[in-house]
Protein backbone atom coordinates (compact mmCIF):
# COMPACT_ATOMS: atom_id res chain seq x y z
CA MET A 1 121.86 61.12 58.28
CA SER A 2 121.11 58.89 55.33
CA ASP A 3 118.27 56.41 55.18
CA ASP A 4 120.62 53.45 55.50
CA VAL A 5 121.61 54.28 59.11
CA GLU A 6 121.46 51.07 61.13
CA ARG A 7 121.54 52.35 64.72
CA TYR A 8 118.68 54.18 66.44
CA ILE A 9 118.24 55.79 69.83
CA VAL A 10 114.57 56.16 70.80
CA CYS A 11 113.56 58.07 73.92
CA ASN A 12 110.84 60.11 75.52
CA GLY A 13 111.49 63.83 75.13
CA ASP A 14 111.21 64.59 78.85
CA ALA A 15 114.16 64.94 81.22
CA ASP A 16 114.29 61.26 82.17
CA GLY A 17 114.28 60.10 78.56
CA LEU A 18 116.71 62.67 77.18
CA CYS A 19 119.16 62.39 80.07
CA ALA A 20 119.13 58.60 79.86
CA ALA A 21 119.98 58.92 76.16
CA LEU A 22 122.72 61.43 76.98
CA GLN A 23 124.28 59.01 79.46
CA TRP A 24 124.26 56.38 76.72
CA ARG A 25 125.78 58.74 74.16
CA TRP A 26 128.89 59.18 76.27
CA HIS A 27 129.03 55.42 76.84
CA ASP A 28 128.61 54.56 73.17
CA PRO A 29 129.32 57.54 70.89
CA ARG A 30 128.88 55.67 67.61
CA PRO A 31 126.62 57.50 65.12
CA ALA A 32 122.91 56.83 65.58
CA THR A 33 119.63 58.35 64.49
CA LEU A 34 117.68 59.89 67.38
CA ILE A 35 113.90 59.49 67.52
CA THR A 36 112.14 61.44 70.25
CA GLY A 37 109.13 63.66 70.79
CA LEU A 38 107.11 65.48 73.39
CA LYS A 39 106.08 63.96 76.70
CA ARG A 40 102.81 62.74 75.20
CA ASP A 41 104.56 60.92 72.33
CA VAL A 42 104.87 57.50 73.91
CA GLU A 43 104.55 55.18 70.91
CA LEU A 44 107.78 56.19 69.23
CA LEU A 45 109.07 52.75 68.27
CA ARG A 46 106.71 52.66 65.31
CA ARG A 47 108.84 55.41 63.75
CA VAL A 48 111.84 53.08 63.47
CA PRO A 49 111.97 51.45 60.01
CA PRO A 50 112.37 47.67 60.58
CA THR A 51 113.94 47.16 57.16
CA SER A 52 116.91 49.48 57.80
CA ALA A 53 117.43 49.25 61.56
CA ARG A 54 119.93 46.79 62.96
CA GLU A 55 120.27 48.02 66.53
CA VAL A 56 117.87 50.06 68.68
CA VAL A 57 118.27 51.35 72.22
CA VAL A 58 115.07 52.55 73.92
CA PHE A 59 114.74 54.83 76.95
CA ASP A 60 111.72 55.75 79.06
CA LEU A 61 108.92 54.40 76.87
CA SER A 62 106.24 52.01 78.07
CA MET A 63 106.92 48.58 76.60
CA PRO A 64 103.23 47.56 76.56
CA ARG A 65 102.39 50.69 74.54
CA ASN A 66 105.17 49.85 72.06
CA ALA A 67 104.80 46.06 72.06
CA ARG A 68 103.55 45.73 68.48
CA ALA A 69 106.30 47.87 66.98
CA LEU A 70 108.90 46.20 69.20
CA THR A 71 107.79 42.74 68.04
CA ALA A 72 108.01 43.84 64.41
CA LEU A 73 111.56 45.07 64.90
CA LEU A 74 112.66 41.87 66.61
CA GLU A 75 111.09 39.71 63.92
CA HIS A 76 113.05 41.68 61.31
CA GLY A 77 116.30 40.73 63.05
CA VAL A 78 116.82 43.98 64.97
CA ASN A 79 118.68 43.82 68.29
CA VAL A 80 116.91 45.93 70.93
CA ARG A 81 118.10 47.08 74.35
CA TYR A 82 115.23 48.54 76.41
CA PHE A 83 115.42 50.67 79.60
CA ASP A 84 112.19 51.74 81.28
CA HIS A 85 110.60 52.24 84.70
CA HIS A 86 106.92 52.28 83.71
CA ALA A 87 106.33 48.51 83.89
CA ALA A 88 108.26 45.73 85.57
CA ASN A 89 106.78 42.99 83.42
CA THR A 90 108.10 42.17 79.96
CA PRO A 91 105.16 41.74 77.56
CA VAL A 92 107.57 40.94 74.73
CA ARG A 93 110.21 38.24 75.08
CA HIS A 94 112.77 37.47 72.43
CA PRO A 95 116.44 36.39 72.30
CA ARG A 96 117.35 39.67 70.57
CA LEU A 97 115.71 41.75 73.33
CA GLN A 98 117.64 42.89 76.40
CA ALA A 99 115.11 44.41 78.80
CA HIS A 100 116.07 46.48 81.84
CA LEU A 101 112.75 47.21 83.54
CA ASP A 102 112.01 48.29 87.11
CA SER A 103 108.82 50.01 88.26
CA HIS A 104 109.74 50.61 91.90
CA ALA A 105 108.82 54.05 93.20
CA ASN A 106 112.46 55.06 93.82
CA VAL A 107 113.54 54.31 90.25
CA CYS A 108 113.44 56.24 86.99
CA THR A 109 114.98 55.35 83.64
CA CYS A 110 118.09 57.42 84.36
CA VAL A 111 118.65 55.36 87.50
CA LEU A 112 118.44 52.16 85.45
CA VAL A 113 120.99 53.45 82.95
CA ASP A 114 123.23 54.69 85.76
CA ARG A 115 123.09 51.18 87.22
CA TYR A 116 123.98 49.61 83.90
CA LEU A 117 126.90 52.02 83.33
CA HIS A 118 128.11 51.70 86.94
CA GLY A 119 127.82 55.45 87.46
CA ALA A 120 130.01 56.41 84.51
CA ARG A 121 127.82 59.44 83.64
CA ARG A 122 126.13 59.94 86.98
CA ALA A 123 125.72 63.71 86.83
CA TRP A 124 123.37 63.34 83.85
CA ALA A 125 121.42 60.74 85.85
CA VAL A 126 121.03 63.31 88.63
CA VAL A 127 119.56 65.77 86.12
CA GLY A 128 117.08 63.21 84.82
CA ALA A 129 116.03 62.09 88.29
CA TRP A 130 115.30 65.67 89.35
CA GLY A 131 113.34 66.23 86.15
CA ASP A 132 111.32 63.09 86.80
CA ASN A 133 110.42 64.42 90.27
CA LEU A 134 112.50 61.71 91.96
CA ALA A 135 114.03 63.92 94.64
CA SER A 136 115.27 61.15 96.93
CA GLY A 137 116.89 59.32 94.03
CA ALA A 138 118.49 62.50 92.72
CA ARG A 139 119.98 63.32 96.13
CA ARG A 140 121.29 59.78 96.54
CA LEU A 141 122.99 59.88 93.14
CA ALA A 142 124.38 63.34 93.91
CA ARG A 143 125.96 62.04 97.12
CA LEU A 144 127.50 59.11 95.24
CA ALA A 145 128.89 61.57 92.68
CA GLU A 146 130.22 63.75 95.53
CA LEU A 147 128.42 66.82 94.24
CA SER A 148 128.14 69.88 96.42
CA ASN A 149 124.77 71.26 97.51
CA ASP A 150 125.15 74.12 95.03
CA GLN A 151 125.97 71.72 92.19
CA CYS A 152 123.00 69.53 93.09
CA GLU A 153 120.75 72.60 93.08
CA THR A 154 122.02 73.60 89.64
CA LEU A 155 121.28 70.14 88.27
CA ARG A 156 117.82 70.24 89.86
CA MET A 157 117.01 73.45 88.01
CA LEU A 158 118.37 72.03 84.78
CA GLY A 159 116.37 68.81 85.09
CA GLU A 160 113.13 70.61 85.87
CA ALA A 161 113.65 73.01 82.95
CA ILE A 162 114.32 70.16 80.51
CA ASN A 163 111.23 68.36 81.74
CA TYR A 164 109.07 71.47 81.54
CA ASN A 165 110.02 71.88 77.90
CA ALA A 166 108.53 68.48 77.03
CA TYR A 167 104.95 69.46 77.79
CA GLY A 168 102.89 70.63 74.84
CA ASP A 169 100.38 69.40 72.30
CA THR A 170 102.76 70.17 69.43
CA GLU A 171 106.38 71.29 69.12
CA ALA A 172 105.07 74.81 68.47
CA ASP A 173 104.01 74.89 72.13
CA VAL A 174 107.53 74.43 73.51
CA LEU A 175 110.61 76.61 73.39
CA ILE A 176 112.73 74.03 71.57
CA ALA A 177 111.99 70.65 70.01
CA PRO A 178 113.28 67.82 72.24
CA ALA A 179 115.47 66.45 69.43
CA ARG A 180 117.14 69.83 68.98
CA LEU A 181 117.56 70.19 72.74
CA TYR A 182 119.25 66.79 72.84
CA ASP A 183 121.67 67.86 70.11
CA LEU A 184 122.64 70.98 72.08
CA LEU A 185 123.05 69.16 75.40
CA ALA A 186 125.03 66.37 73.76
CA SER A 187 127.88 68.85 73.29
CA TYR A 188 128.47 68.79 77.04
CA ARG A 189 129.99 65.79 78.78
CA ASP A 190 129.21 67.46 82.13
CA PRO A 191 125.69 68.87 82.67
CA LEU A 192 127.13 71.52 84.98
CA ASP A 193 128.90 72.93 81.92
CA ALA A 194 125.61 72.84 80.00
CA ALA A 195 123.87 74.75 82.78
CA ALA A 196 126.62 77.37 82.85
CA ARG A 197 127.34 77.80 79.15
CA GLU A 198 124.36 76.76 77.00
CA PRO A 199 122.15 79.80 76.20
CA VAL A 200 119.02 77.72 75.63
CA VAL A 201 119.22 76.44 79.21
CA ALA A 202 118.92 79.97 80.56
CA GLN A 203 116.00 80.57 78.19
CA LEU A 204 114.25 77.42 79.37
CA MET A 205 114.66 78.36 83.01
CA ALA A 206 113.42 81.90 82.38
CA ARG A 207 110.39 80.67 80.44
CA GLN A 208 109.52 78.15 83.14
CA ALA A 209 109.79 80.79 85.87
CA ASP A 210 107.66 83.24 83.88
CA ASP A 211 104.95 80.66 83.16
CA LEU A 212 104.82 79.65 86.83
CA ARG A 213 104.57 83.31 87.85
CA GLN A 214 101.69 83.87 85.45
CA ALA A 215 99.95 80.74 86.67
CA LYS A 216 100.12 81.96 90.26
CA GLN A 217 98.72 85.35 89.24
CA THR A 218 95.74 83.77 87.48
CA ALA A 219 95.05 81.06 90.09
CA THR A 220 91.57 81.04 91.54
CA TYR A 221 90.82 80.50 95.22
């Protein structure tokens, strides 16, 4: 996209962040520039250019860690909508900021987005909740979505594989860059279709299984 793009989606590159962004994509499919990174990349708002951005939606990033960049965006007239479960307090307050924060133990960012969208893309929220190790929340959402046990299990495997891919010191350490993974998954309105038809999903699951097998073989007792 060109440098004059006005809309940005900023999210953590783990399952909770990517799946929250995927829920939003199907809610609001207007063109936007995606900014994401690995699990450890938590100060991503500073990558948004205040002079060209007009609207930013943020998923699964600590607001305190991004407070300075967030303030700069707001002071430049940018409208920001912020979804996160890492802190319930709002260190930045501004009329152009809409904050959806909840740090309760049974909540992840995908749950917050699911709430906001009234369950419109709930299956993706199930994926993100499983990836964020929120088993009880994932099962509750799966029941609300009337998913079968087999479907829920498929989404669990998908969520854990997406999340596993986010861990690395650099993008060279992971099978696929989170931004590229988002682009592939965004082709699927239903994550069950992504699990069944997207080749990179099978590769992620195989790599995760192989790494876990090697870890067990080298474990010390």
